Amino acid sequence: MSLRVILRRPGHRRLWPIGGKESHGLSASFAFVGQIVPETPEFTDSPYFSQAGNTFQRGMIEALLARGVHVQAVISGPPIPSFPRHRSLACRGGPVSGPGGIPIILLPFFNLGTAKWLTMGCAAVAEIIHWAHGLAPGKPRVVLLYNLSLPPAWFALAGARLVGARTVAFVADMYEPGEIAPATMKRRADFTLQKRILRHLDGLIVMSPSLARRQTGQRQPLLVDCAIADETLRYLDRRSRAEGRAGNGMVFGFAGALEPHNGVREAIAAFKRIADPGLSLWIAGRGSLADETRDAAREDPRIEFLGQLELATVLARYGNTDVLLNCRITRSGCLLNAFPSKLAELLASGAVVVTTNVGDLGSELGGKAIVVEEGTTEAFEEAMRKAMAMTPAQREAMGLAAREWIHATRSWTVQSDRILEYISSQVLAPRDS
């Protein structure tokens, strides 16, 4: 049953599961605390907005609801810059309709400096208490966090403790200040608090194998390195079958944040070193390297800079692309606790994917992608030439193998089952006395 409409009970800020049955015997009530926002210009124009992060959170919530899980509140701290970079000094918050019709409670906060974290954290505690009010006594309660920085996880943990709920955090990104996050005193303090809270959580789900290996204790974290919505998988399947590849020349594509750690400079340099007029490269995204990317497109007519595109437009582009590039620079120590969630999307597209060995997935991607061990210009050039040397049949076979692997192992249907099994057996299981 397609999850298109989520019913709201009048007078309550709650979601109710539609379709499916309660999975893994879970009868718990869930509250989700994250950064999911409506995909409107008010939020998507923010430099802190992540399309991949928003899509990931939506996929998780919808997958849990489709499994009959009682996700009864979605609480969000909108990722916007502090005043004066953002026009609002005081953000009122309130109920809004999010992506896919998900009802969201945006937290109110004073949008200035440390007060932003404090006021948003207090608002998160209040919303968790509001969620728990009226729940059936004795029924297990779970607060599911997405990342730890905003809303501040310590406040969410305190709210969960107040209402007798278990706390599970899904850590997608945890950047050490210095290369991606600025090395300010505030960022360093926030990173230290994030590391310290991990041992106080009842459950931990991580996207980074590095972070999973660093956690010790009785309850080991669950690794969920990437996931993709079943609806997106079906869309990509239809696009590939319906349209195939366009034109006679080979088309390369890059979609993602235009930041140094995503390897866009190296990808452009590698492409330029291949003097073949029949090649083309499209680049979609925004970030600090947008002007540099625009200049590269002016200098080389084979490069097309598209700027920021809606997700549906990006997915449609995949259908006319031969080789997709995931150039995350893995040699950076700051990226050990992060994972590019877009990789699942690329592998499901049916195109050949050139990727660095993110998340130590290289051993699983044999025959499914061209894996680059070093994120250098020379390595990317070699991988591009390898893709060019493949016959159309070989490229099609590689794309199909990758898509089948994603369907079998990384769909939200599969990953949500793993998450629910983990919560049931590790988080809600009776604790040793």
Protein backbone atom coordinates (compact mmCIF):
# COMPACT_ATOMS: atom_id res chain seq x y z
CA MET A 1 0.00 0.00 0.00
CA SER A 2 1.49 3.33 -1.01
CA LEU A 3 2.12 5.64 1.93
CA ARG A 4 0.79 8.91 0.55
CA VAL A 5 -1.37 10.25 3.33
CA ILE A 6 -0.63 10.29 7.04
CA LEU A 7 -3.66 10.88 9.19
CA ARG A 8 -3.62 13.32 12.08
CA ARG A 9 -5.89 12.94 15.03
CA PRO A 10 -7.60 16.31 15.72
CA GLY A 11 -6.02 18.15 18.61
CA HIS A 12 -2.91 15.97 18.70
CA ARG A 13 0.45 16.25 16.94
CA ARG A 14 0.73 12.59 16.17
CA LEU A 15 1.20 10.20 13.30
CA TRP A 16 -0.69 6.98 13.00
CA PRO A 17 0.62 3.93 11.11
CA ILE A 18 -1.18 3.08 7.90
CA GLY A 19 -0.99 -0.40 6.44
CA GLY A 20 1.28 -3.25 7.43
CA LYS A 21 1.45 -5.01 10.75
CA GLU A 22 3.42 -4.36 13.90
CA SER A 23 6.92 -5.55 13.12
CA HIS A 24 9.06 -7.78 15.36
CA GLY A 25 6.40 -7.72 18.06
CA LEU A 26 7.08 -4.05 18.82
CA SER A 27 4.26 -2.37 20.67
CA ALA A 28 6.31 0.68 21.62
CA SER A 29 5.43 4.30 20.97
CA PHE A 30 8.05 6.30 19.08
CA ALA A 31 8.98 9.96 18.87
CA PHE A 32 11.39 11.04 16.14
CA VAL A 33 13.68 14.01 16.83
CA GLY A 34 15.72 15.28 13.90
CA GLN A 35 16.12 17.97 11.25
CA ILE A 36 13.51 17.03 8.66
CA VAL A 37 11.85 20.11 7.13
CA PRO A 38 9.38 20.98 4.36
CA GLU A 39 11.08 21.18 0.98
CA THR A 40 10.12 24.78 0.37
CA PRO A 41 12.46 27.70 -0.43
CA GLU A 42 12.25 28.94 3.16
CA PHE A 43 14.26 25.86 4.17
CA THR A 44 15.92 24.54 0.99
CA ASP A 45 17.61 27.90 0.32
CA SER A 46 19.45 27.61 3.63
CA PRO A 47 23.15 26.74 3.23
CA TYR A 48 22.67 24.18 6.00
CA PHE A 49 19.88 22.31 4.23
CA SER A 50 20.84 18.81 3.05
CA GLN A 51 18.65 17.20 0.42
CA ALA A 52 20.27 13.84 1.13
CA GLY A 53 19.67 14.22 4.87
CA ASN A 54 16.05 15.26 4.40
CA THR A 55 15.41 12.37 2.02
CA PHE A 56 17.09 9.94 4.40
CA GLN A 57 14.95 11.03 7.36
CA ARG A 58 11.78 10.88 5.28
CA GLY A 59 12.68 7.37 4.09
CA MET A 60 13.28 6.20 7.65
CA ILE A 61 10.01 7.61 8.99
CA GLU A 62 7.92 6.28 6.11
CA ALA A 63 9.54 2.84 6.34
CA LEU A 64 8.78 2.61 10.05
CA LEU A 65 5.19 3.73 9.51
CA ALA A 66 4.78 1.20 6.70
CA ARG A 67 5.87 -1.49 9.17
CA GLY A 68 3.05 -0.49 11.51
CA VAL A 69 5.36 1.20 13.98
CA HIS A 70 3.67 3.81 16.17
CA VAL A 71 5.66 6.92 15.25
CA GLN A 72 3.47 9.42 17.06
CA ALA A 73 5.53 12.59 16.93
CA VAL A 74 8.08 14.04 14.48
CA ILE A 75 9.97 16.88 16.16
CA SER A 76 12.42 18.96 14.14
CA GLY A 77 15.07 21.59 14.71
CA PRO A 78 15.28 23.36 11.33
CA PRO A 79 18.86 23.63 10.01
CA ILE A 80 19.11 27.37 9.39
CA PRO A 81 21.95 29.84 10.03
CA SER A 82 21.92 32.02 13.12
CA PHE A 83 20.96 35.68 12.98
CA PRO A 84 22.03 37.86 11.17
CA ARG A 85 22.86 35.28 8.45
CA HIS A 86 19.20 34.31 8.68
CA ARG A 87 16.59 37.07 8.73
CA SER A 88 14.75 35.72 11.80
CA LEU A 89 16.00 36.47 15.27
CA ALA A 90 13.17 34.51 16.91
CA CYS A 91 11.72 31.42 15.20
CA ARG A 92 8.24 30.60 16.42
CA GLY A 93 8.01 26.98 15.29
CA GLY A 94 4.74 25.05 15.17
CA PRO A 95 3.08 22.31 13.10
CA VAL A 96 3.86 22.11 9.37
CA SER A 97 3.40 19.60 6.59
CA GLY A 98 6.72 18.02 5.65
CA PRO A 99 7.89 15.99 2.64
CA GLY A 100 5.45 13.25 1.70
CA GLY A 101 2.79 14.89 3.87
CA ILE A 102 4.54 13.98 7.12
CA PRO A 103 3.24 16.30 9.89
CA ILE A 104 6.20 17.90 11.64
CA ILE A 105 6.50 20.00 14.77
CA LEU A 106 9.14 22.68 14.18
CA LEU A 107 10.78 23.71 17.43
CA PRO A 108 10.71 27.39 18.47
CA PHE A 109 14.04 28.98 19.41
CA PHE A 110 15.95 32.21 19.78
CA ASN A 111 18.18 32.24 16.71
CA LEU A 112 21.37 33.72 18.10
CA GLY A 113 24.58 32.03 19.21
CA THR A 114 24.48 29.66 22.16
CA ALA A 115 20.93 30.75 22.97
CA LYS A 116 19.85 28.89 19.81
CA TRP A 117 21.00 25.56 21.20
CA LEU A 118 19.65 26.22 24.69
CA THR A 119 16.20 27.40 23.63
CA MET A 120 15.82 24.72 20.97
CA GLY A 121 16.92 22.08 23.47
CA CYS A 122 14.39 23.22 26.06
CA ALA A 123 11.68 23.22 23.39
CA ALA A 124 12.63 19.65 22.46
CA VAL A 125 12.22 18.57 26.10
CA ALA A 126 8.79 20.20 26.21
CA GLU A 127 7.67 18.46 23.00
CA ILE A 128 8.88 15.05 24.23
CA ILE A 129 6.88 15.54 27.44
CA HIS A 130 3.85 16.59 25.34
CA TRP A 131 4.26 13.45 23.20
CA ALA A 132 4.39 11.18 26.23
CA HIS A 133 1.34 12.78 27.88
CA GLY A 134 -1.64 10.50 27.45
CA LEU A 135 0.28 7.46 26.22
CA ALA A 136 -0.85 4.16 27.64
CA PRO A 137 0.97 3.47 30.92
CA GLY A 138 3.37 0.55 30.78
CA LYS A 139 3.80 0.70 27.01
CA PRO A 140 7.47 1.02 26.01
CA ARG A 141 8.56 4.41 24.72
CA VAL A 142 11.41 5.16 22.35
CA VAL A 143 12.90 8.50 21.35
CA LEU A 144 14.73 8.09 18.04
CA LEU A 145 17.29 10.83 17.36
CA TYR A 146 18.75 11.73 13.97
CA ASN A 147 22.26 13.07 14.58
CA LEU A 148 23.36 14.68 17.83
CA SER A 149 24.05 18.36 17.28
CA LEU A 150 20.71 19.98 16.43
CA PRO A 151 18.42 19.66 18.31
CA PRO A 152 21.02 19.10 21.05
CA ALA A 153 21.03 15.41 21.94
CA TRP A 154 21.66 16.01 25.64
CA PHE A 155 18.32 17.81 25.93
CA ALA A 156 16.50 15.08 24.01
CA LEU A 157 18.11 12.48 26.26
CA ALA A 158 16.98 14.40 29.34
CA GLY A 159 13.44 14.61 27.98
CA ALA A 160 13.42 10.88 27.27
CA ARG A 161 14.61 10.11 30.78
CA LEU A 162 11.89 12.32 32.26
CA VAL A 163 9.14 10.34 30.49
CA GLY A 164 10.72 6.91 30.96
CA ALA A 165 11.66 6.43 27.29
CA ARG A 166 14.64 4.60 25.83
CA THR A 167 16.86 6.71 23.57
CA VAL A 168 18.29 5.51 20.25
CA ALA A 169 20.46 7.77 18.11
CA PHE A 170 21.00 7.42 14.38
CA VAL A 171 24.37 9.08 13.75
CA ALA A 172 24.76 9.86 10.06
CA ASP A 173 27.48 12.52 10.33
CA MET A 174 29.83 13.38 13.15
CA TYR A 175 32.46 15.78 11.84
CA GLU A 176 35.53 16.54 13.91
CA PRO A 177 36.14 20.31 13.76
CA GLY A 178 38.99 21.40 11.55
CA GLU A 179 38.34 20.55 7.90
CA ILE A 180 34.59 20.55 7.26
CA ALA A 181 33.18 22.04 10.45
CA PRO A 182 35.08 25.19 11.54
CA ALA A 183 37.48 24.68 14.45
CA THR A 184 35.76 27.21 16.68
CA MET A 185 35.47 26.84 20.45
CA LYS A 186 31.72 26.31 20.08
CA ARG A 187 32.17 23.55 17.48
CA ARG A 188 34.85 21.82 19.55
CA ALA A 189 32.61 21.90 22.62
CA ASP A 190 29.70 20.52 20.60
CA PHE A 191 31.87 17.70 19.20
CA THR A 192 33.10 16.80 22.69
CA LEU A 193 29.52 16.66 23.99
CA GLN A 194 28.49 14.47 21.03
CA LYS A 195 31.26 11.96 21.81
CA ARG A 196 30.40 11.87 25.50
CA ILE A 197 26.69 11.28 25.02
CA LEU A 198 27.25 8.08 23.04
CA ARG A 199 27.86 6.00 26.16
CA HIS A 200 24.62 7.22 27.75
CA LEU A 201 22.35 6.13 24.90
CA ASP A 202 20.28 2.95 25.04
CA GLY A 203 20.97 2.23 21.38
CA LEU A 204 23.20 3.54 18.61
CA ILE A 205 22.77 3.22 14.84
CA VAL A 206 25.64 4.50 12.72
CA MET A 207 26.41 4.99 9.03
CA SER A 208 30.19 4.96 9.52
CA PRO A 209 32.08 1.69 10.08
CA SER A 210 34.82 3.74 11.74
CA LEU A 211 32.40 5.04 14.37
CA ALA A 212 30.97 1.54 14.86
CA ARG A 213 34.44 0.10 15.51
CA ARG A 214 35.23 2.79 18.07
CA GLN A 215 32.21 1.99 20.26
CA THR A 216 32.67 -0.51 23.04
CA GLY A 217 30.31 -1.79 25.67
CA GLN A 218 27.56 -4.30 26.27
CA ARG A 219 25.35 -3.02 23.46
CA GLN A 220 27.18 -2.77 20.17
CA PRO A 221 25.94 -0.28 17.56
CA LEU A 222 24.04 -1.28 14.46
CA LEU A 223 25.69 -0.34 11.16
CA VAL A 224 23.25 1.01 8.56
CA ASP A 225 25.61 2.57 6.04
CA CYS A 226 23.02 3.65 3.49
CA ALA A 227 19.40 3.14 2.50
CA ILE A 228 17.04 4.14 -0.27
CA ALA A 229 13.27 4.38 -0.37
CA ASP A 230 11.39 1.68 -2.26
CA GLU A 231 9.47 4.40 -4.11
CA THR A 232 12.78 5.82 -5.37
CA LEU A 233 13.93 2.36 -6.42
CA ARG A 234 10.76 1.85 -8.45
CA TYR A 235 11.14 5.29 -10.05
CA LEU A 236 14.75 4.61 -11.05
CA ASP A 237 13.76 1.22 -12.48
CA ARG A 238 11.08 2.84 -14.64
CA ARG A 239 13.34 5.66 -15.85
CA SER A 240 16.09 3.28 -16.87
CA ARG A 241 13.79 0.93 -18.76
CA ALA A 242 11.77 3.72 -20.37
CA GLU A 243 14.53 6.03 -21.58
CA GLY A 244 17.90 4.32 -21.57
CA ARG A 245 20.91 6.49 -22.42
CA ALA A 246 20.66 9.50 -24.70
CA GLY A 247 23.06 10.50 -27.46
CA ASN A 248 26.12 8.86 -28.96
CA GLY A 249 28.85 10.18 -26.63
CA MET A 250 29.53 8.99 -23.11
CA VAL A 251 27.88 11.03 -20.37
CA PHE A 252 29.38 11.42 -16.90
CA GLY A 253 27.41 12.87 -13.98
CA PHE A 254 28.15 14.32 -10.55
CA ALA A 255 25.42 15.26 -8.05
CA GLY A 256 26.09 16.40 -4.51
CA ALA A 257 27.42 19.16 -2.31
CA LEU A 258 30.10 21.15 -4.11
CA GLU A 259 32.59 21.05 -1.27
CA PRO A 260 36.28 20.06 -1.23
CA HIS A 261 35.63 16.84 0.71
CA ASN A 262 33.29 15.59 -2.04
CA GLY A 263 36.09 15.57 -4.62
CA VAL A 264 34.44 17.81 -7.21
CA ARG A 265 37.77 19.51 -7.97
CA GLU A 266 39.47 16.19 -8.57
CA ALA A 267 36.57 14.95 -10.72
CA ILE A 268 36.68 18.03 -12.95
CA ALA A 269 40.47 17.88 -13.27
CA ALA A 270 40.35 14.17 -14.17
CA PHE A 271 37.67 14.78 -16.79
CA LYS A 272 39.64 17.62 -18.37
CA ARG A 273 42.67 15.36 -18.75
CA ILE A 274 40.72 13.14 -21.14
CA ALA A 275 40.82 14.93 -24.49
CA ASP A 276 37.79 13.34 -26.07
CA PRO A 277 35.27 15.77 -27.63
CA GLY A 278 32.54 13.13 -27.46
CA LEU A 279 32.50 13.13 -23.65
CA SER A 280 30.28 15.29 -21.49
CA LEU A 281 30.01 15.89 -17.74
CA TRP A 282 27.05 17.39 -15.93
CA ILE A 283 27.39 18.65 -12.38
CA ALA A 284 24.47 19.40 -10.05
CA GLY A 285 24.67 20.85 -6.56
CA ARG A 286 25.63 23.87 -4.55
CA GLY A 287 28.34 24.76 -2.08
CA SER A 288 31.52 26.73 -1.60
CA LEU A 289 32.95 25.49 -4.92
CA ALA A 290 29.92 26.50 -7.01
CA ASP A 291 31.67 29.49 -8.61
CA GLU A 292 34.76 27.41 -9.32
CA THR A 293 32.58 24.75 -10.93
CA ARG A 294 30.76 27.37 -13.00
CA ASP A 295 34.11 28.71 -14.23
CA ALA A 296 35.20 25.19 -15.22
CA ALA A 297 32.04 24.83 -17.31
CA ARG A 298 32.78 28.12 -19.08
CA GLU A 299 36.30 26.93 -19.89
CA ASP A 300 35.28 23.49 -21.19
CA PRO A 301 32.09 23.31 -23.28
CA ARG A 302 31.82 19.59 -22.52
CA ILE A 303 31.00 20.45 -18.87
CA GLU A 304 27.46 21.50 -17.95
CA PHE A 305 26.84 23.13 -14.58
CA LEU A 306 23.21 22.77 -13.52
CA GLY A 307 23.28 24.29 -10.05
CA GLN A 308 20.94 23.03 -7.35
CA LEU A 309 18.21 20.75 -8.69
CA GLU A 310 15.16 19.17 -7.13
CA LEU A 311 15.56 15.50 -6.30
CA ALA A 312 13.12 14.35 -8.99
CA THR A 313 15.11 16.24 -11.64
CA VAL A 314 18.37 14.67 -10.45
CA LEU A 315 16.86 11.19 -10.54
CA ALA A 316 15.62 11.83 -14.07
CA ARG A 317 19.16 12.86 -15.09
CA TYR A 318 20.49 9.49 -13.95
CA GLY A 319 18.44 7.80 -16.66
CA ASN A 320 20.48 9.55 -19.38
CA THR A 321 23.90 9.09 -17.79
CA ASP A 322 26.46 6.38 -18.48
CA VAL A 323 28.80 6.90 -15.51
CA LEU A 324 27.99 8.51 -12.15
CA LEU A 325 30.74 9.81 -9.89
CA ASN A 326 30.93 9.54 -6.10
CA CYS A 327 34.25 11.23 -5.34
CA ARG A 328 34.16 11.56 -1.54
CA ILE A 329 37.75 12.04 -0.36
CA THR A 330 38.33 9.20 2.09
CA ARG A 331 41.86 10.14 3.15
CA SER A 332 40.51 12.96 5.32
CA GLY A 333 40.50 12.12 9.02
CA CYS A 334 37.52 14.44 9.51
CA LEU A 335 35.37 12.16 7.35
CA LEU A 336 35.91 8.92 9.26
CA ASN A 337 32.57 9.36 11.06
CA ALA A 338 30.55 10.31 7.95
CA PHE A 339 29.09 8.47 4.98
CA PRO A 340 27.69 9.79 1.67
CA SER A 341 24.12 8.50 1.72
CA LYS A 342 23.73 9.40 -1.96
CA LEU A 343 25.84 6.37 -2.90
CA ALA A 344 22.83 4.05 -2.60
CA GLU A 345 20.94 6.29 -5.00
CA LEU A 346 23.77 6.17 -7.54
CA LEU A 347 24.16 2.40 -7.34
CA ALA A 348 20.41 1.94 -7.85
CA SER A 349 20.40 4.06 -11.01
CA GLY A 350 21.56 1.34 -13.38
CA ALA A 351 24.53 3.43 -14.53
CA VAL A 352 28.16 2.52 -13.90
CA VAL A 353 29.34 4.13 -10.66
CA VAL A 354 32.88 5.32 -10.00
CA THR A 355 33.30 5.62 -6.23
CA THR A 356 35.96 5.93 -3.61
CA ASN A 357 36.10 3.21 -0.97
CA VAL A 358 33.71 4.96 1.40
CA GLY A 359 32.65 3.04 4.46
CA ASP A 360 34.98 0.18 3.54
CA LEU A 361 32.37 -0.94 1.01
CA GLY A 362 35.00 -1.66 -1.63
CA SER A 363 35.09 -5.37 -0.78
CA GLU A 364 31.33 -5.63 -1.36
CA LEU A 365 31.30 -3.69 -4.63
CA GLY A 366 33.36 -6.04 -6.76
CA GLY A 367 31.70 -6.27 -10.17
CA LYS A 368 29.10 -3.68 -9.11
CA ALA A 369 31.14 -0.46 -9.35
CA ILE A 370 34.58 0.86 -10.21
CA VAL A 371 36.22 1.47 -6.84
CA VAL A 372 38.95 4.07 -6.45
CA GLU A 373 41.22 3.55 -3.44
CA GLU A 374 42.83 7.00 -3.55
CA GLY A 375 40.72 10.08 -4.16
CA THR A 376 43.23 11.75 -6.46
CA THR A 377 42.90 13.28 -9.91
CA GLU A 378 45.07 10.52 -11.38
CA ALA A 379 42.98 7.77 -9.78
CA PHE A 380 39.71 9.27 -11.00
CA GLU A 381 41.10 9.68 -14.50
CA GLU A 382 42.14 6.03 -14.55
CA ALA A 383 38.67 4.97 -13.36
CA MET A 384 36.96 7.12 -16.02
CA ARG A 385 39.13 5.61 -18.73
CA LYS A 386 38.29 2.15 -17.40
CA ALA A 387 34.59 2.90 -17.75
CA MET A 388 35.17 4.22 -21.28
CA ALA A 389 36.95 1.00 -22.23
CA MET A 390 33.98 -1.14 -21.22
CA THR A 391 31.51 -2.26 -23.88
CA PRO A 392 27.88 -1.10 -23.54
CA ALA A 393 26.94 -4.66 -22.55
CA GLN A 394 29.59 -4.68 -19.80
CA ARG A 395 28.40 -1.34 -18.46
CA GLU A 396 24.81 -2.51 -18.49
CA ALA A 397 25.75 -5.71 -16.63
CA MET A 398 27.64 -3.76 -13.95
CA GLY A 399 24.76 -1.31 -13.49
CA LEU A 400 22.27 -4.18 -13.19
CA ALA A 401 24.43 -6.01 -10.62
CA ALA A 402 24.66 -2.85 -8.51
CA ARG A 403 20.92 -2.24 -8.71
CA GLU A 404 20.09 -5.80 -7.68
CA TRP A 405 22.51 -5.55 -4.75
CA ILE A 406 20.87 -2.33 -3.55
CA HIS A 407 17.40 -3.86 -3.85
CA ALA A 408 18.48 -6.91 -1.85
CA THR A 409 20.51 -5.23 0.88
CA ARG A 410 20.02 -1.45 1.10
CA SER A 411 16.34 -0.65 0.53
CA TRP A 412 14.50 0.96 3.42
CA THR A 413 12.33 -2.16 3.57
CA VAL A 414 15.41 -4.24 4.41
CA GLN A 415 17.10 -1.66 6.61
CA SER A 416 13.98 -0.82 8.63
CA ASP A 417 13.59 -4.51 9.47
CA ARG A 418 17.19 -4.53 10.76
CA ILE A 419 16.58 -1.37 12.79
CA LEU A 420 13.41 -2.75 14.38
CA GLU A 421 15.08 -6.06 15.18
CA TYR A 422 17.93 -4.15 16.83
CA ILE A 423 15.58 -2.00 18.91
CA SER A 424 13.52 -5.02 19.90
CA SER A 425 16.43 -7.27 20.88
CA GLN A 426 19.02 -4.75 22.11
CA VAL A 427 17.19 -1.61 23.29
CA LEU A 428 13.87 -2.84 24.66
CA ALA A 429 15.15 -6.19 25.91
CA PRO A 430 15.26 -6.55 29.69
CA ARG A 431 18.50 -5.22 31.11
CA ASP A 432 20.81 -7.29 33.25
CA SER A 433 20.58 -6.36 36.88
